N, C-alpha and C. Protein backbone atom coordinates (compact mmCIF):
# COMPACT_ATOMS: atom_id res chain seq x y z
N SER A 1 -200.71 -20.90 160.25
CA SER A 1 -201.73 -19.92 160.26
C SER A 1 -201.43 -18.63 161.24
N GLN A 2 -200.87 -19.04 162.33
CA GLN A 2 -200.49 -17.99 163.39
C GLN A 2 -199.48 -17.43 162.87
N ALA A 3 -198.40 -17.90 162.54
CA ALA A 3 -197.02 -17.30 161.89
C ALA A 3 -197.44 -16.34 160.74
N VAL A 4 -198.25 -16.76 160.03
CA VAL A 4 -198.62 -15.69 158.86
C VAL A 4 -199.45 -14.54 159.36
N ALA A 5 -200.08 -14.70 160.35
CA ALA A 5 -200.92 -13.49 160.95
C ALA A 5 -200.06 -12.48 161.76
N ARG A 6 -198.93 -13.31 162.34
CA ARG A 6 -198.13 -12.51 163.31
C ARG A 6 -197.16 -11.56 162.03
N VAL A 7 -196.94 -12.22 161.01
CA VAL A 7 -195.82 -11.47 160.23
C VAL A 7 -196.66 -10.36 159.58
N ARG A 8 -197.85 -10.53 159.11
CA ARG A 8 -198.87 -9.71 158.49
C ARG A 8 -199.06 -8.54 159.43
N ALA A 9 -199.16 -8.76 160.75
CA ALA A 9 -199.47 -7.71 161.69
C ALA A 9 -198.17 -6.98 162.08
N GLY A 10 -197.01 -7.59 161.99
CA GLY A 10 -195.74 -6.94 162.34
C GLY A 10 -195.04 -6.15 161.01
N ASP A 11 -195.62 -6.55 159.86
CA ASP A 11 -194.97 -5.87 158.66
C ASP A 11 -195.66 -4.71 158.27
N LYS A 12 -195.29 -3.59 158.49
CA LYS A 12 -196.07 -2.34 158.04
C LYS A 12 -195.97 -1.92 156.66
N ARG A 13 -194.83 -2.47 156.05
CA ARG A 13 -194.53 -2.44 154.67
C ARG A 13 -195.25 -3.19 153.68
N GLY A 14 -196.10 -4.42 154.33
CA GLY A 14 -196.77 -5.34 153.44
C GLY A 14 -195.93 -6.09 152.42
N ARG A 15 -194.87 -6.58 152.88
CA ARG A 15 -193.93 -7.24 152.05
C ARG A 15 -194.77 -8.52 151.58
N PRO A 16 -194.47 -9.19 150.24
CA PRO A 16 -194.81 -10.47 150.06
C PRO A 16 -194.42 -11.55 150.91
N ILE A 17 -195.46 -12.63 151.15
CA ILE A 17 -195.03 -13.65 152.01
C ILE A 17 -195.15 -15.11 151.30
N GLU A 18 -194.08 -15.85 151.41
CA GLU A 18 -194.18 -17.17 150.82
C GLU A 18 -193.99 -18.14 151.59
N VAL A 19 -195.12 -19.27 151.74
CA VAL A 19 -194.91 -20.35 152.72
C VAL A 19 -194.55 -21.66 152.34
N GLU A 20 -193.60 -22.28 152.74
CA GLU A 20 -193.26 -23.53 152.38
C GLU A 20 -194.12 -24.73 152.79
N VAL A 21 -194.73 -25.53 151.85
CA VAL A 21 -195.47 -26.70 152.29
C VAL A 21 -194.84 -28.03 151.95
N LYS A 22 -195.10 -29.08 152.71
CA LYS A 22 -194.51 -30.48 152.55
C LYS A 22 -195.64 -31.33 152.00
N THR A 23 -196.86 -31.08 152.31
CA THR A 23 -197.96 -32.01 152.11
C THR A 23 -199.04 -31.31 151.48
N LEU A 24 -200.03 -31.99 150.97
CA LEU A 24 -201.28 -31.51 150.36
C LEU A 24 -202.19 -30.80 151.44
N ALA A 25 -202.12 -31.47 152.53
CA ALA A 25 -202.87 -31.02 153.66
C ALA A 25 -202.38 -29.53 154.11
N GLU A 26 -201.07 -29.50 154.22
CA GLU A 26 -200.67 -28.17 154.62
C GLU A 26 -201.09 -27.02 153.41
N LEU A 27 -200.83 -27.53 152.09
CA LEU A 27 -201.11 -26.69 151.07
C LEU A 27 -202.66 -26.06 151.18
N GLN A 28 -203.62 -27.09 151.49
CA GLN A 28 -205.01 -26.70 151.62
C GLN A 28 -205.16 -25.53 152.83
N GLU A 29 -204.41 -25.72 153.97
CA GLU A 29 -204.58 -24.85 155.00
C GLU A 29 -203.87 -23.40 154.42
N THR A 30 -202.87 -23.62 153.77
CA THR A 30 -202.08 -22.22 153.42
C THR A 30 -203.00 -21.61 152.47
N LEU A 31 -203.74 -22.28 151.63
CA LEU A 31 -204.51 -21.42 150.46
C LEU A 31 -205.40 -20.62 151.21
N GLU A 32 -205.82 -20.87 152.16
CA GLU A 32 -206.79 -20.21 152.88
C GLU A 32 -206.35 -18.72 153.66
N LEU A 33 -205.09 -18.62 153.60
CA LEU A 33 -204.31 -17.49 154.18
C LEU A 33 -203.99 -16.14 153.50
N GLY A 34 -204.28 -16.48 152.34
CA GLY A 34 -203.89 -15.27 151.37
C GLY A 34 -202.40 -14.80 151.18
N VAL A 35 -201.59 -15.86 151.25
CA VAL A 35 -200.20 -15.48 151.02
C VAL A 35 -199.96 -15.22 149.62
N ASP A 36 -198.72 -14.73 149.17
CA ASP A 36 -198.23 -14.23 148.01
C ASP A 36 -197.56 -15.50 147.14
N ARG A 37 -197.18 -16.46 147.63
CA ARG A 37 -196.76 -17.48 146.92
C ARG A 37 -196.64 -18.81 147.92
N ILE A 38 -196.45 -20.05 147.35
CA ILE A 38 -196.37 -21.17 148.11
C ILE A 38 -195.29 -22.07 147.50
N MET A 39 -194.38 -22.50 148.09
CA MET A 39 -193.45 -23.27 147.87
C MET A 39 -193.71 -24.74 148.19
N LEU A 40 -193.76 -25.59 147.15
CA LEU A 40 -194.00 -27.13 147.19
C LEU A 40 -192.66 -27.79 147.42
N ASP A 41 -192.35 -28.13 148.76
CA ASP A 41 -191.06 -28.74 149.14
C ASP A 41 -191.06 -30.22 148.98
N ASN A 42 -190.17 -30.77 148.13
CA ASN A 42 -189.93 -32.09 147.97
C ASN A 42 -191.21 -33.04 147.72
N MET A 43 -192.08 -32.56 146.82
CA MET A 43 -193.26 -33.16 146.39
C MET A 43 -193.07 -34.03 145.09
N SER A 44 -193.57 -35.02 145.11
CA SER A 44 -193.61 -35.93 143.90
C SER A 44 -194.16 -35.34 142.68
N LEU A 45 -194.02 -35.70 141.32
CA LEU A 45 -194.70 -35.17 140.30
C LEU A 45 -196.23 -35.11 140.51
N ALA A 46 -196.72 -36.17 140.87
CA ALA A 46 -198.29 -36.47 141.12
C ALA A 46 -198.54 -35.47 142.04
N GLU A 47 -197.92 -35.45 143.16
CA GLU A 47 -198.47 -34.40 144.21
C GLU A 47 -198.47 -33.05 143.73
N MET A 48 -197.34 -32.58 142.74
CA MET A 48 -197.22 -31.30 142.24
C MET A 48 -198.60 -31.02 141.28
N ARG A 49 -198.91 -32.02 140.54
CA ARG A 49 -200.23 -32.07 139.75
C ARG A 49 -201.38 -31.63 140.45
N GLN A 50 -201.46 -32.74 141.58
CA GLN A 50 -202.45 -32.34 142.52
C GLN A 50 -202.70 -31.05 143.16
N ALA A 51 -201.61 -30.38 143.55
CA ALA A 51 -201.33 -29.15 144.18
C ALA A 51 -201.74 -28.04 143.04
N VAL A 52 -201.47 -28.38 141.85
CA VAL A 52 -201.92 -27.09 140.93
C VAL A 52 -203.21 -27.15 140.79
N ARG A 53 -203.93 -28.53 140.81
CA ARG A 53 -205.35 -28.45 140.88
C ARG A 53 -206.11 -27.74 141.86
N LEU A 54 -205.50 -28.00 143.07
CA LEU A 54 -206.05 -27.60 144.36
C LEU A 54 -205.96 -26.03 144.34
N ALA A 55 -204.83 -25.42 144.17
CA ALA A 55 -204.70 -24.09 144.00
C ALA A 55 -205.51 -23.36 142.85
N ASN A 56 -205.55 -24.12 141.88
CA ASN A 56 -206.57 -23.55 140.61
C ASN A 56 -206.22 -22.12 140.39
N GLY A 57 -204.99 -21.70 140.49
CA GLY A 57 -204.78 -20.22 140.15
C GLY A 57 -204.74 -19.41 141.00
N ARG A 58 -205.07 -19.64 142.25
CA ARG A 58 -205.52 -18.57 143.31
C ARG A 58 -204.16 -18.02 143.98
N VAL A 59 -202.95 -18.73 143.81
CA VAL A 59 -201.79 -18.24 144.20
C VAL A 59 -200.71 -18.94 143.58
N PRO A 60 -199.40 -18.29 143.13
CA PRO A 60 -198.58 -18.86 142.54
C PRO A 60 -197.94 -20.25 143.27
N LEU A 61 -197.50 -21.01 142.63
CA LEU A 61 -196.87 -22.24 143.33
C LEU A 61 -195.32 -22.19 142.71
N GLU A 62 -194.47 -22.52 143.61
CA GLU A 62 -193.10 -22.75 143.38
C GLU A 62 -192.57 -24.33 143.67
N ALA A 63 -192.19 -25.02 142.87
CA ALA A 63 -191.71 -26.40 143.00
C ALA A 63 -190.12 -26.28 143.59
N SER A 64 -189.82 -26.99 144.48
CA SER A 64 -188.56 -26.96 145.11
C SER A 64 -188.06 -28.16 145.76
N GLY A 65 -186.91 -28.49 145.69
CA GLY A 65 -186.35 -29.84 146.35
C GLY A 65 -186.49 -31.00 145.21
N ASN A 66 -185.31 -31.69 145.16
CA ASN A 66 -185.20 -32.79 144.21
C ASN A 66 -185.52 -32.65 142.88
N VAL A 67 -185.32 -31.19 142.46
CA VAL A 67 -185.34 -30.72 141.04
C VAL A 67 -183.85 -30.65 140.48
N THR A 68 -183.75 -31.38 139.42
CA THR A 68 -182.46 -31.39 138.71
C THR A 68 -182.63 -30.95 137.42
N MET A 69 -181.61 -30.88 136.49
CA MET A 69 -181.64 -30.40 135.32
C MET A 69 -182.25 -31.47 134.45
N GLU A 70 -182.15 -32.57 134.90
CA GLU A 70 -182.68 -33.95 134.17
C GLU A 70 -184.19 -33.98 134.42
N ASN A 71 -184.71 -33.56 135.43
CA ASN A 71 -186.21 -33.61 135.69
C ASN A 71 -186.99 -32.37 135.47
N VAL A 72 -186.32 -31.22 135.39
CA VAL A 72 -186.80 -29.91 135.32
C VAL A 72 -188.01 -29.80 134.37
N ALA A 73 -187.87 -30.37 133.04
CA ALA A 73 -188.98 -30.39 132.32
C ALA A 73 -190.23 -31.01 132.56
N ASP A 74 -190.03 -32.21 133.34
CA ASP A 74 -191.24 -32.91 133.97
C ASP A 74 -191.83 -32.07 135.01
N VAL A 75 -191.08 -31.42 135.98
CA VAL A 75 -191.44 -30.57 136.92
C VAL A 75 -192.35 -29.21 136.31
N ALA A 76 -191.82 -28.71 135.25
CA ALA A 76 -192.70 -27.63 134.63
C ALA A 76 -193.88 -28.25 134.17
N ALA A 77 -193.82 -29.36 133.61
CA ALA A 77 -195.26 -30.03 132.76
C ALA A 77 -196.26 -30.10 134.03
N THR A 78 -195.88 -29.95 135.24
CA THR A 78 -197.03 -30.26 136.25
C THR A 78 -197.86 -29.04 136.23
N GLY A 79 -197.38 -27.72 135.91
CA GLY A 79 -198.27 -26.59 135.82
C GLY A 79 -197.81 -25.49 136.89
N VAL A 80 -196.81 -25.90 137.75
CA VAL A 80 -196.28 -24.86 138.69
C VAL A 80 -195.79 -23.69 138.06
N ASP A 81 -195.95 -22.54 138.72
CA ASP A 81 -195.53 -21.35 138.30
C ASP A 81 -193.88 -20.99 138.18
N TYR A 82 -193.40 -21.54 139.39
CA TYR A 82 -191.90 -21.35 139.60
C TYR A 82 -191.34 -22.63 139.83
N ILE A 83 -189.93 -22.51 139.62
CA ILE A 83 -189.20 -23.72 139.82
C ILE A 83 -187.80 -23.50 140.38
N SER A 84 -187.56 -24.02 141.56
CA SER A 84 -186.12 -23.58 142.29
C SER A 84 -185.38 -24.91 141.83
N VAL A 85 -184.04 -24.67 141.38
CA VAL A 85 -183.21 -25.73 141.13
C VAL A 85 -181.92 -25.50 141.94
N GLY A 86 -182.03 -26.13 143.23
CA GLY A 86 -180.88 -25.86 144.12
C GLY A 86 -179.46 -26.52 143.62
N ALA A 87 -179.78 -27.66 142.69
CA ALA A 87 -178.49 -28.24 142.25
C ALA A 87 -177.53 -27.29 141.40
N LEU A 88 -178.18 -26.06 141.11
CA LEU A 88 -177.37 -25.10 140.28
C LEU A 88 -176.24 -24.48 141.23
N THR A 89 -176.46 -24.43 142.52
CA THR A 89 -175.57 -23.84 143.48
C THR A 89 -175.19 -24.86 144.36
N HIS A 90 -175.87 -25.87 145.12
CA HIS A 90 -175.34 -26.73 146.03
C HIS A 90 -174.63 -27.85 145.53
N SER A 91 -174.77 -28.03 144.23
CA SER A 91 -174.00 -29.41 143.68
C SER A 91 -173.15 -29.11 142.52
N VAL A 92 -172.74 -27.82 142.31
CA VAL A 92 -171.83 -27.43 141.32
C VAL A 92 -170.48 -27.96 141.32
N GLN A 93 -170.01 -28.35 140.35
CA GLN A 93 -168.67 -28.80 140.32
C GLN A 93 -167.71 -27.74 139.94
N ALA A 94 -166.65 -27.54 140.59
CA ALA A 94 -165.67 -26.49 140.48
C ALA A 94 -164.77 -26.62 139.21
N LEU A 95 -164.44 -25.76 138.49
CA LEU A 95 -163.45 -25.81 137.36
C LEU A 95 -162.36 -25.09 137.71
N ASP A 96 -161.14 -25.79 137.60
CA ASP A 96 -160.02 -25.39 138.05
C ASP A 96 -159.25 -24.76 136.73
N ILE A 97 -159.25 -23.49 136.82
CA ILE A 97 -158.67 -22.46 135.88
C ILE A 97 -157.41 -21.75 136.48
N SER A 98 -156.30 -21.66 135.60
CA SER A 98 -155.25 -20.72 136.01
C SER A 98 -155.01 -19.88 135.02
N LEU A 99 -154.31 -18.57 135.32
CA LEU A 99 -154.02 -17.86 134.32
C LEU A 99 -152.50 -17.48 134.52
N LEU A 100 -151.69 -17.74 133.37
CA LEU A 100 -150.34 -17.58 133.29
C LEU A 100 -150.03 -16.39 132.63
N LEU A 101 -149.12 -15.32 133.09
CA LEU A 101 -148.96 -14.04 132.45
C LEU A 101 -147.32 -14.00 132.16
N GLU A 102 -147.00 -13.68 130.81
CA GLU A 102 -145.66 -13.40 130.55
C GLU A 102 -145.33 -12.12 130.13
N ALA A 103 -144.28 -11.68 130.84
CA ALA A 103 -143.86 -10.25 130.26
C ALA A 103 -143.54 -10.04 128.87
N ALA A 104 -143.82 -8.96 128.26
CA ALA A 104 -143.74 -8.73 126.83
C ALA A 104 -142.58 -8.22 126.40
């Protein structure tokens, strides 16, 4: 709560604020702060569904952590507004490609 208040006081441009929460208790506290988005970090599908019910559309929710291409549809079905899939960047497998040119 104090961190959000300090950011709001120091940001004359009024930029959006996103807060990351790890528990439903943190979510409940954050819902009262008037932030622009809340990131649900490493929550189970059941916790995400409960978070969506608690937020009740008051603030957009973003699921993050332990989201894979295999479970992203299940995460989407919880009702969150946004999904971050870190595996797209931190677990990517490199493709070894070479280019050989021949003089014409």
